[in-house]
Amino acid sequence: MTDGQSQRGQESPGVLSPLTTDPVLQSIQEAEANYKDARELMERQEAELHTLRADLTKARKNAEEHAETAKALQEELDNAHQQTEKERVHVRELAEALKEIHRALFQGNTYELILRACLKITGATRGLYITARGEEDVLRVQAAVDIDGYPQADPSPFVVDLCRKVLDENSSYIWERQGKKKDLPAPALPTEKFHNLAVAPVALVKNFDGIIVVADKSNGSFTEHDVEALISVGDQAAVAVENTRLHRELERTYVATIAMLADAVEAKDSYTHGHCEMVSKYAQLTAEHLQLSDYDRSVVSYAALLHDVGKIGVSDGVLNKPGALLPEELELVRSHVRIGHDLLAHIDALKAIAAVVLHHHEWYDGTGYPAGLKGDEIPIAARIVCVVDAYGAMITRRSYKEAFTEEHARAELARCTGTQFDPGVVEAFLRVLDSPEVQTMDNAEFGVLPGFSTIRAFQKGLD
C-alpha cells in the first residue's frame, strides 16, 4: 500500500477531501451550509414569533382587565350618579312636601298634607295618619288616602295592632306580607290587604302626636331610608306647627280688633244691632255659591262685618235722624266709606278689606260713590256686600223707615238688578235666601269666620 492509499484510507467515510474538486460535491456542501443557516434563522424567527404571541396574549389579557376595570368603574359611576339623582329628587320632593305642609297649616288640613308628603317621598300609594291622645292612647284616624271607610270610621283591629306595635315598642318598623316578619291579625277590610307597609311615630312640637302608616310601595320594598324620611317629615312639620301657632295668636289679635270695631259701630246705632253679623253671614254664603276662592271668601266675610265701621266718625244726630237728610248731612253719611277705609288701611293685613269697605256703595251702572266705578271695576267682594247690605237694610227698621217684608226686599233687588246691583250676585244671593243654611241661621250662633290668615298668606305671596 502506498502512502497515498494509506492516507486516503484513514479519512472518514462520507467526508470529502478538501482536495476533492468535484463540483457536485461542492454544491452539496454549500446547500448543506445554507440549509443549516436557514434552519437556524427559522428557529430564531419561531422563537421571536412565540415571544410576540406571548406578549400579544399578555397585552390582550391586560386590555381585557383594563376594560373590565373601566366597565366596573363606569358602572360604579353610573350607580353613584343615579343615587345622587335619586337623592336630589328625594330632597326636592321633601322640600315641596314641607312647603305644602306649611301652606296647609293655614287652611286646617295639616294631617292630610303630612300624610300625602309621606306617601310622595316614600313612593307609597296608600296610607293613614292616626293620632294617639290621652293616657289611654285613644286612636283616631285623622287622614286617609285610598283606604275605604277612613277617616270617618274608627280604626279596625288590624290598624290598631299596627299602631300598638309602635306605641309598645316605641319604634318604627317595616312589614312585608311575603316575609311574615310581623304577626298581624287578618285585615278587617279588603282595602287593608297591603302588600307591604312602613309604620313610624310622628312627633309634633316635641310631643308624640300619632302614627303614620304608608303602604303598597309602587316600586320595590320599603327601606330604612324610607322610615328615616317619615320621621324627618314629622320633625319638619313640627316647625311649621309652631310657626302656625304664633301666626294664629296674631290672628286672634286681629280678629279681636275687628270684633271691637264692629261692636263700637253697633253701640252708636241701635238700629244696626246684629246687622253687620247678618250681612257677613249672608255675604259669606253668597261667596260660596259663587265659588269664589278662599281668599275672596275671607275678604268678603270680614269686609261685610266691617262695612259700616266708618260710621264711628259720623255724629249720632245724623245717623239717627228720623226725617230726610239735608245735602250736607247726606255727604257726611257718605263719608263713612272713606273713614272706614282709612281706619282699616293702616293695618297691612286689612288693606284688602279696606278697599271693599271703600267701594261697597258703588253701583253696577257707575252712578254710585265714592269713585263712580262700574261693572267689573268694582271688586267682587264689594259687589256682594252692596247687595247683602241693601237687603239687610230693607228688612230692618231704621230711624227713617219701617222694615220691608222679605218679599218686598226681594222685589227691590230684582228691580235694581243691572243698575245698582250685579245681576250675577243678586241671582246667587236669592239662591242663598232659599238655602237650608239660612233657614236655621236665626236660631243658630253666628258661624265662625273663615281663616283670617288666608288673607295674610295671600298678601305675602304664599298662595
Protein backbone atom coordinates (compact mmCIF):
# COMPACT_ATOMS: atom_id res chain seq x y z
CA MET A 1 0.00 0.00 0.00
CA THR A 2 1.35 3.38 -0.91
CA ASP A 3 1.48 6.33 1.38
CA GLY A 4 -1.26 7.95 -0.62
CA GLN A 5 -3.50 4.98 -0.30
CA SER A 6 -2.79 4.72 3.41
CA GLN A 7 -3.64 8.39 3.93
CA ARG A 8 -6.81 8.10 1.85
CA GLY A 9 -7.90 5.00 3.77
CA GLN A 10 -7.60 6.88 7.08
CA GLU A 11 -10.08 9.64 6.04
CA SER A 12 -13.62 9.36 7.39
CA PRO A 13 -16.09 7.93 5.02
CA GLY A 14 -18.66 10.42 3.63
CA VAL A 15 -16.41 13.43 4.15
CA LEU A 16 -14.93 14.79 1.02
CA SER A 17 -11.36 15.54 0.99
CA PRO A 18 -10.52 19.19 0.77
CA LEU A 19 -8.60 18.18 -2.17
CA THR A 20 -11.67 16.96 -3.86
CA THR A 21 -12.73 19.37 -6.52
CA ASP A 22 -15.85 17.62 -7.63
CA PRO A 23 -18.40 20.44 -8.40
CA VAL A 24 -21.34 18.26 -7.39
CA LEU A 25 -19.87 17.61 -4.02
CA GLN A 26 -19.11 21.28 -3.57
CA SER A 27 -22.74 22.20 -4.37
CA ILE A 28 -23.95 19.68 -1.84
CA GLN A 29 -21.68 21.16 0.79
CA GLU A 30 -22.87 24.66 0.04
CA ALA A 31 -26.55 23.59 0.12
CA GLU A 32 -25.99 21.86 3.41
CA ALA A 33 -24.45 25.00 4.88
CA ASN A 34 -27.25 27.20 3.53
CA TYR A 35 -29.87 24.82 4.90
CA LYS A 36 -28.21 24.94 8.28
CA ASP A 37 -28.19 28.73 8.22
CA ALA A 38 -31.82 28.84 7.08
CA ARG A 39 -32.85 26.40 9.77
CA GLU A 40 -31.14 28.45 12.45
CA LEU A 41 -32.85 31.59 11.10
CA MET A 42 -36.25 29.88 11.10
CA GLU A 43 -35.73 28.68 14.66
CA ARG A 44 -34.81 32.21 15.74
CA GLN A 45 -37.88 33.61 13.95
CA GLU A 46 -40.12 30.96 15.53
CA ALA A 47 -38.73 31.88 18.94
CA GLU A 48 -39.34 35.57 18.25
CA LEU A 49 -42.86 34.77 16.98
CA HIS A 50 -43.55 32.76 20.10
CA THR A 51 -42.37 35.68 22.20
CA LEU A 52 -44.54 38.07 20.19
CA ARG A 53 -47.54 35.78 20.59
CA ALA A 54 -46.95 35.60 24.33
CA ASP A 55 -46.61 39.38 24.50
CA LEU A 56 -49.80 39.79 22.43
CA THR A 57 -51.70 37.37 24.67
CA LYS A 58 -50.49 39.25 27.72
CA ALA A 59 -51.41 42.58 26.11
CA ARG A 60 -54.88 41.26 25.25
CA LYS A 61 -55.31 39.99 28.79
CA ASN A 62 -54.20 43.34 30.19
CA ALA A 63 -56.55 45.12 27.81
CA GLU A 64 -59.43 42.91 28.89
CA GLU A 65 -58.58 43.50 32.52
CA HIS A 66 -58.43 47.25 31.91
CA ALA A 67 -61.73 47.07 30.02
CA GLU A 68 -63.36 45.19 32.88
CA THR A 69 -61.93 47.69 35.36
CA ALA A 70 -63.15 50.58 33.23
CA LYS A 71 -66.56 48.93 32.93
CA ALA A 72 -66.74 48.40 36.69
CA LEU A 73 -65.70 52.00 37.29
CA GLN A 74 -68.30 53.22 34.79
CA GLU A 75 -70.99 51.12 36.45
CA GLU A 76 -69.93 52.46 39.82
CA LEU A 77 -70.02 56.00 38.44
CA ASP A 78 -73.44 55.40 36.88
CA ASN A 79 -74.75 53.97 40.15
CA ALA A 80 -73.36 56.94 42.05
CA HIS A 81 -74.95 59.30 39.54
CA GLN A 82 -78.27 57.51 39.81
CA GLN A 83 -78.10 57.59 43.60
CA THR A 84 -77.21 61.27 43.52
CA GLU A 85 -80.11 61.98 41.18
CA LYS A 86 -82.41 59.91 43.38
CA GLU A 87 -81.29 61.85 46.44
CA ARG A 88 -81.73 65.14 44.58
CA VAL A 89 -85.28 64.18 43.59
CA HIS A 90 -85.93 62.99 47.13
CA VAL A 91 -84.73 66.29 48.60
CA ARG A 92 -86.77 68.28 46.09
CA GLU A 93 -89.89 66.24 46.79
CA LEU A 94 -89.35 66.57 50.53
CA ALA A 95 -88.90 70.33 50.19
CA GLU A 96 -92.08 70.62 48.11
CA ALA A 97 -93.98 68.42 50.54
CA LEU A 98 -92.87 70.51 53.52
CA LYS A 99 -93.83 73.68 51.66
CA GLU A 100 -97.29 72.23 51.14
CA ILE A 101 -97.45 71.36 54.83
CA HIS A 102 -96.67 74.96 55.75
CA ARG A 103 -99.41 76.14 53.39
CA ALA A 104 -101.84 73.56 54.71
CA LEU A 105 -101.42 74.74 58.26
CA PHE A 106 -103.13 77.99 57.27
CA GLN A 107 -106.06 76.06 55.80
CA GLY A 108 -106.72 73.47 58.50
CA ASN A 109 -105.90 70.24 56.60
CA THR A 110 -102.50 69.62 58.17
CA TYR A 111 -102.88 65.88 58.78
CA GLU A 112 -103.75 65.09 55.17
CA LEU A 113 -100.87 67.16 53.80
CA ILE A 114 -98.39 65.48 56.15
CA LEU A 115 -99.71 62.08 55.07
CA ARG A 116 -99.52 62.94 51.37
CA ALA A 117 -95.98 64.22 51.86
CA CYS A 118 -95.03 60.89 53.43
CA LEU A 119 -96.60 58.97 50.55
CA LYS A 120 -94.78 61.05 47.98
CA ILE A 121 -91.29 60.77 49.43
CA THR A 122 -91.54 57.02 50.12
CA GLY A 123 -93.28 56.03 46.88
CA ALA A 124 -96.23 54.55 48.79
CA THR A 125 -99.68 54.68 47.21
CA ARG A 126 -101.93 54.41 50.28
CA GLY A 127 -101.74 55.42 53.90
CA LEU A 128 -103.20 56.60 57.21
CA TYR A 129 -102.43 59.28 59.76
CA ILE A 130 -103.62 58.12 63.20
CA THR A 131 -103.40 60.22 66.36
CA ALA A 132 -102.97 58.74 69.83
CA ARG A 133 -104.27 61.04 72.56
CA GLY A 134 -104.75 60.85 76.31
CA GLU A 135 -103.42 58.46 78.90
CA GLU A 136 -105.22 55.60 77.20
CA ASP A 137 -103.69 56.45 73.81
CA VAL A 138 -107.11 56.65 72.18
CA LEU A 139 -106.57 56.10 68.45
CA ARG A 140 -108.35 58.17 65.82
CA VAL A 141 -107.80 58.25 62.06
CA GLN A 142 -107.25 61.89 61.09
CA ALA A 143 -106.43 61.42 57.40
CA ALA A 144 -106.53 58.60 54.85
CA VAL A 145 -105.55 58.13 51.22
CA ASP A 146 -107.15 55.39 49.12
CA ILE A 147 -108.36 53.28 52.07
CA ASP A 148 -112.14 52.97 52.05
CA GLY A 149 -114.07 53.91 55.17
CA TYR A 150 -111.42 56.20 56.60
CA PRO A 151 -111.02 58.72 58.13
CA GLN A 152 -114.68 58.59 59.23
CA ALA A 153 -114.54 55.04 60.62
CA ASP A 154 -112.84 54.01 63.86
CA PRO A 155 -109.55 52.12 63.44
CA SER A 156 -110.08 48.42 62.77
CA PRO A 157 -108.34 45.77 64.94
CA PHE A 158 -105.79 45.41 62.15
CA VAL A 159 -104.96 49.15 62.17
CA VAL A 160 -105.00 49.21 65.97
CA ASP A 161 -102.44 46.41 66.05
CA LEU A 162 -100.22 48.30 63.59
CA CYS A 163 -100.30 51.29 65.92
CA ARG A 164 -99.86 49.31 69.13
CA LYS A 165 -96.55 47.92 67.90
CA VAL A 166 -95.27 51.48 67.56
CA LEU A 167 -96.70 52.52 70.92
CA ASP A 168 -95.44 49.46 72.79
CA GLU A 169 -92.03 49.19 71.17
CA ASN A 170 -91.54 52.96 70.73
CA SER A 171 -90.01 52.40 67.33
CA SER A 172 -90.85 52.21 63.66
CA TYR A 173 -90.89 49.07 61.56
CA ILE A 174 -91.33 47.63 58.06
CA TRP A 175 -93.65 44.77 57.21
CA GLU A 176 -93.73 42.57 54.10
CA ARG A 177 -96.66 40.23 53.57
CA GLN A 178 -94.46 37.57 51.94
CA GLY A 179 -91.74 37.86 54.57
CA LYS A 180 -94.14 37.49 57.51
CA LYS A 181 -91.77 39.37 59.75
CA LYS A 182 -94.57 40.54 61.99
CA ASP A 183 -97.54 38.62 63.31
CA LEU A 184 -100.61 40.66 62.48
CA PRO A 185 -104.33 39.83 62.61
CA ALA A 186 -106.24 39.39 59.39
CA PRO A 187 -107.20 42.72 57.76
CA ALA A 188 -110.74 43.79 58.60
CA LEU A 189 -111.35 45.40 55.21
CA PRO A 190 -110.40 44.38 51.67
CA THR A 191 -108.54 47.68 51.27
CA GLU A 192 -106.39 46.80 54.31
CA LYS A 193 -104.79 43.85 52.49
CA PHE A 194 -101.47 45.60 51.96
CA HIS A 195 -98.56 44.08 50.06
CA ASN A 196 -96.06 45.92 52.24
CA LEU A 197 -96.05 48.81 54.68
CA ALA A 198 -93.94 51.02 56.89
CA VAL A 199 -95.12 52.42 60.21
CA ALA A 200 -93.45 55.26 62.11
CA PRO A 201 -94.24 57.58 65.03
CA VAL A 202 -94.85 61.28 64.42
CA ALA A 203 -93.78 63.95 66.88
CA LEU A 204 -95.15 67.48 66.52
CA VAL A 205 -93.89 70.36 68.65
CA LYS A 206 -91.72 67.95 70.71
CA ASN A 207 -94.73 65.86 71.70
CA PHE A 208 -95.75 62.46 70.40
CA ASP A 209 -98.76 63.04 68.17
CA GLY A 210 -99.50 59.79 66.41
CA ILE A 211 -98.55 57.20 63.83
CA ILE A 212 -98.01 57.33 60.08
CA VAL A 213 -98.82 54.20 58.08
CA VAL A 214 -97.68 54.12 54.44
CA ALA A 215 -98.45 51.07 52.32
CA ASP A 216 -98.17 49.41 48.91
CA LYS A 217 -94.98 50.98 47.60
CA SER A 218 -95.24 51.42 43.86
CA ASN A 219 -91.71 50.20 43.13
CA GLY A 220 -89.93 47.68 45.34
CA SER A 221 -89.94 47.36 49.10
CA PHE A 222 -89.72 49.88 51.89
CA THR A 223 -86.23 50.55 53.28
CA GLU A 224 -84.80 52.05 56.44
CA HIS A 225 -84.20 55.16 54.34
CA ASP A 226 -87.97 55.44 53.86
CA VAL A 227 -88.53 55.15 57.60
CA GLU A 228 -85.98 57.89 58.24
CA ALA A 229 -87.85 60.06 55.74
CA LEU A 230 -91.12 59.50 57.61
CA ILE A 231 -89.55 60.60 60.87
CA SER A 232 -87.96 63.59 59.11
CA VAL A 233 -91.34 64.79 57.85
CA GLY A 234 -92.69 64.75 61.40
CA ASP A 235 -89.69 66.72 62.64
CA GLN A 236 -90.05 69.35 59.92
CA ALA A 237 -93.82 69.56 60.30
CA ALA A 238 -93.26 70.40 63.97
CA VAL A 239 -91.52 73.61 62.91
CA ALA A 240 -94.48 74.52 60.72
CA VAL A 241 -96.94 73.78 63.53
CA GLU A 242 -95.07 76.05 65.93
CA ASN A 243 -94.95 78.83 63.33
CA THR A 244 -98.66 78.44 62.78
CA ARG A 245 -99.35 78.68 66.49
CA LEU A 246 -97.60 82.04 66.57
CA HIS A 247 -99.45 83.19 63.46
CA ARG A 248 -102.78 82.19 64.96
CA GLU A 249 -102.05 84.14 68.13
CA LEU A 250 -101.52 87.18 65.93
CA GLU A 251 -104.66 86.29 64.01
CA ARG A 252 -106.71 86.19 67.21
CA THR A 253 -105.43 89.68 67.99
CA TYR A 254 -106.59 90.92 64.60
CA VAL A 255 -109.97 89.26 64.98
CA ALA A 256 -110.40 90.74 68.45
CA THR A 257 -109.69 94.16 66.97
CA ILE A 258 -112.27 93.56 64.24
CA ALA A 259 -114.87 92.43 66.75
CA MET A 260 -114.21 95.51 68.88
CA LEU A 261 -114.69 97.82 65.90
CA ALA A 262 -117.92 96.10 64.89
CA ASP A 263 -119.22 96.37 68.46
CA ALA A 264 -118.33 100.06 68.51
CA VAL A 265 -120.48 100.69 65.42
CA GLU A 266 -123.47 98.87 66.87
CA ALA A 267 -123.10 100.80 70.13
CA LYS A 268 -123.52 104.07 68.22
CA ASP A 269 -126.54 102.97 66.16
CA SER A 270 -129.12 100.82 67.94
CA TYR A 271 -130.90 100.23 64.64
CA THR A 272 -127.91 98.36 63.22
CA HIS A 273 -127.59 95.91 66.12
CA GLY A 274 -126.87 92.49 64.59
CA HIS A 275 -126.92 93.97 61.08
CA CYS A 276 -123.16 93.59 60.46
CA GLU A 277 -123.09 89.97 61.60
CA MET A 278 -126.11 89.15 59.44
CA VAL A 279 -124.55 90.85 56.40
CA SER A 280 -121.29 88.98 57.00
CA LYS A 281 -123.04 85.61 57.17
CA TYR A 282 -125.15 86.28 54.05
CA ALA A 283 -122.07 87.57 52.19
CA GLN A 284 -120.08 84.50 53.19
CA LEU A 285 -122.76 82.14 51.86
CA THR A 286 -123.12 84.18 48.65
CA ALA A 287 -119.36 83.98 48.04
CA GLU A 288 -119.58 80.19 48.48
CA HIS A 289 -122.46 79.95 45.98
CA LEU A 290 -120.36 81.98 43.52
CA GLN A 291 -117.50 79.51 44.14
CA LEU A 292 -115.00 82.25 44.92
CA SER A 293 -111.52 81.42 46.14
CA ASP A 294 -110.75 81.01 49.83
CA TYR A 295 -109.03 84.37 49.74
CA ASP A 296 -112.05 86.17 48.26
CA ARG A 297 -114.40 84.42 50.70
CA SER A 298 -112.32 85.62 53.64
CA VAL A 299 -112.19 89.18 52.32
CA VAL A 300 -115.96 89.17 51.73
CA SER A 301 -116.71 87.90 55.24
CA TYR A 302 -114.56 90.39 57.11
CA ALA A 303 -115.40 93.31 54.83
CA ALA A 304 -119.12 92.65 55.34
CA LEU A 305 -118.60 92.59 59.11
CA LEU A 306 -116.79 95.94 58.99
CA HIS A 307 -118.54 97.64 56.08
CA ASP A 308 -120.08 100.35 58.32
CA VAL A 309 -117.12 100.82 60.68
CA GLY A 310 -116.66 104.35 59.29
CA LYS A 311 -119.92 105.41 60.93
CA ILE A 312 -117.83 105.83 64.08
CA GLY A 313 -116.88 109.19 62.58
CA VAL A 314 -120.48 110.27 61.85
CA SER A 315 -122.45 112.09 64.53
CA ASP A 316 -125.27 110.26 66.29
CA GLY A 317 -127.70 113.04 65.40
CA VAL A 318 -127.20 112.47 61.70
CA LEU A 319 -127.23 108.67 61.95
CA ASN A 320 -130.45 108.59 63.95
CA LYS A 321 -132.24 111.48 62.26
CA PRO A 322 -135.84 110.36 61.61
CA GLY A 323 -136.53 112.51 58.58
CA ALA A 324 -134.85 113.19 55.25
CA LEU A 325 -131.23 114.26 55.33
CA LEU A 326 -130.01 117.63 54.14
CA PRO A 327 -127.44 117.56 51.29
CA GLU A 328 -124.67 118.34 53.77
CA GLU A 329 -125.85 115.58 56.09
CA LEU A 330 -126.05 113.14 53.18
CA GLU A 331 -122.44 113.90 52.27
CA LEU A 332 -121.46 113.35 55.89
CA VAL A 333 -123.14 109.93 55.91
CA ARG A 334 -121.47 109.05 52.61
CA SER A 335 -118.10 109.94 54.10
CA HIS A 336 -118.33 106.84 56.30
CA VAL A 337 -116.86 104.72 53.49
CA ARG A 338 -113.68 106.81 53.40
CA ILE A 339 -113.45 106.99 57.17
CA GLY A 340 -113.80 103.21 57.36
CA HIS A 341 -111.22 102.73 54.63
CA ASP A 342 -108.71 104.98 56.39
CA LEU A 343 -109.23 103.21 59.73
CA LEU A 344 -108.51 99.79 58.24
CA ALA A 345 -105.87 100.64 55.64
CA HIS A 346 -103.29 101.42 58.33
CA ILE A 347 -103.15 97.69 59.14
CA ASP A 348 -101.36 95.79 56.37
CA ALA A 349 -103.48 92.65 56.80
CA LEU A 350 -106.69 94.69 56.43
CA LYS A 351 -105.84 96.64 53.27
CA ALA A 352 -107.86 94.32 51.01
CA ILE A 353 -110.80 94.64 53.40
CA ALA A 354 -110.36 98.42 53.47
CA ALA A 355 -110.76 98.57 49.67
CA VAL A 356 -114.08 96.71 49.89
CA VAL A 357 -115.32 98.98 52.66
CA LEU A 358 -114.45 101.97 50.46
CA HIS A 359 -116.38 100.71 47.41
CA HIS A 360 -119.37 98.85 48.84
CA HIS A 361 -121.69 101.71 47.82
CA GLU A 362 -120.57 101.75 44.16
CA TRP A 363 -123.37 100.98 41.70
CA TYR A 364 -123.12 98.46 38.90
CA ASP A 365 -124.05 101.14 36.33
CA GLY A 366 -121.37 103.54 37.58
CA THR A 367 -123.61 106.02 39.41
CA GLY A 368 -122.59 105.09 42.95
CA TYR A 369 -119.97 106.60 45.27
CA PRO A 370 -117.25 107.43 46.11
CA ALA A 371 -115.36 106.73 42.84
CA GLY A 372 -118.17 106.02 40.35
CA LEU A 373 -116.74 102.59 39.48
CA LYS A 374 -118.73 100.49 37.03
CA GLY A 375 -119.30 96.76 36.46
CA ASP A 376 -116.22 94.61 36.99
CA GLU A 377 -114.23 97.68 38.02
CA ILE A 378 -115.91 97.21 41.39
CA PRO A 379 -114.22 94.48 43.49
CA ILE A 380 -116.37 91.33 43.57
CA ALA A 381 -116.38 91.44 47.38
CA ALA A 382 -117.75 94.99 47.28
CA ARG A 383 -120.49 93.96 44.82
CA ILE A 384 -121.54 91.18 47.19
CA VAL A 385 -121.57 93.45 50.25
CA CYS A 386 -123.56 96.02 48.27
CA VAL A 387 -126.38 93.54 47.58
CA VAL A 388 -126.45 91.94 51.01
CA ASP A 389 -126.17 95.26 52.86
CA ALA A 390 -129.10 96.70 50.89
CA TYR A 391 -131.25 93.66 51.62
CA GLY A 392 -130.38 93.80 55.33
CA ALA A 393 -131.21 97.49 55.48
CA MET A 394 -134.57 96.93 53.78
CA ILE A 395 -135.81 94.17 56.08
CA THR A 396 -134.88 96.00 59.32
CA ARG A 397 -136.45 99.08 60.91
CA ARG A 398 -134.43 102.26 60.72
CA SER A 399 -134.89 105.73 62.18
CA TYR A 400 -136.16 106.95 58.83
CA LYS A 401 -138.34 103.97 57.76
CA GLU A 402 -140.18 100.85 58.79
CA ALA A 403 -138.96 97.34 57.89
CA PHE A 404 -139.83 95.94 54.45
CA THR A 405 -141.20 92.45 54.10
CA GLU A 406 -138.83 89.87 52.65
CA GLU A 407 -140.97 89.68 49.51
CA HIS A 408 -140.75 93.44 49.06
CA ALA A 409 -136.99 93.40 49.63
CA ARG A 410 -136.55 90.61 47.06
CA ALA A 411 -138.62 92.57 44.56
CA GLU A 412 -136.43 95.64 45.09
CA LEU A 413 -133.29 93.62 44.46
CA ALA A 414 -134.78 92.31 41.23
CA ARG A 415 -135.89 95.81 40.18
CA CYS A 416 -132.45 97.32 40.72
CA THR A 417 -130.54 94.47 39.07
CA GLY A 418 -128.24 95.82 36.38
CA THR A 419 -128.38 99.37 37.75
CA GLN A 420 -127.44 99.30 41.42
CA PHE A 421 -126.62 95.60 41.72
CA ASP A 422 -124.55 93.00 39.87
CA PRO A 423 -127.08 90.57 38.26
CA GLY A 424 -124.91 87.53 39.00
CA VAL A 425 -124.55 88.45 42.66
CA VAL A 426 -128.31 89.07 43.02
CA GLU A 427 -129.07 85.67 41.49
CA ALA A 428 -126.62 83.91 43.84
CA PHE A 429 -127.92 85.81 46.88
CA LEU A 430 -131.54 84.90 46.14
CA ARG A 431 -130.49 81.26 45.99
CA VAL A 432 -128.81 81.73 49.36
CA LEU A 433 -132.05 83.07 50.87
CA ASP A 434 -133.77 79.82 49.88
CA SER A 435 -130.94 77.58 51.10
CA PRO A 436 -131.11 75.38 54.25
CA GLU A 437 -128.24 77.32 55.84
CA VAL A 438 -130.31 80.49 56.01
CA GLN A 439 -133.42 78.71 57.26
CA THR A 440 -131.63 77.81 60.51
CA MET A 441 -129.37 80.86 60.72
CA ASP A 442 -131.61 82.90 63.03
CA ASN A 443 -131.69 80.12 65.63
CA ALA A 444 -128.00 79.29 65.49
CA GLU A 445 -124.96 81.03 66.80
CA PHE A 446 -123.26 83.18 64.22
CA GLY A 447 -120.86 80.99 62.26
CA VAL A 448 -117.11 81.16 62.64
CA LEU A 449 -115.50 83.39 60.06
CA PRO A 450 -113.12 81.77 57.58
CA GLY A 451 -109.41 81.75 58.30
CA PHE A 452 -108.16 85.32 58.60
CA SER A 453 -104.64 84.10 57.92
CA THR A 454 -105.74 83.22 54.36
CA ILE A 455 -105.75 86.94 53.63
CA ARG A 456 -102.33 87.46 55.17
CA ALA A 457 -100.91 84.43 53.40
CA PHE A 458 -102.18 85.69 50.06
CA GLN A 459 -100.68 89.11 50.65
CA LYS A 460 -97.34 87.53 51.47
CA GLY A 461 -97.40 85.57 48.22
CA LEU A 462 -97.69 82.13 49.84
CA ASP A 463 -100.83 81.17 47.88
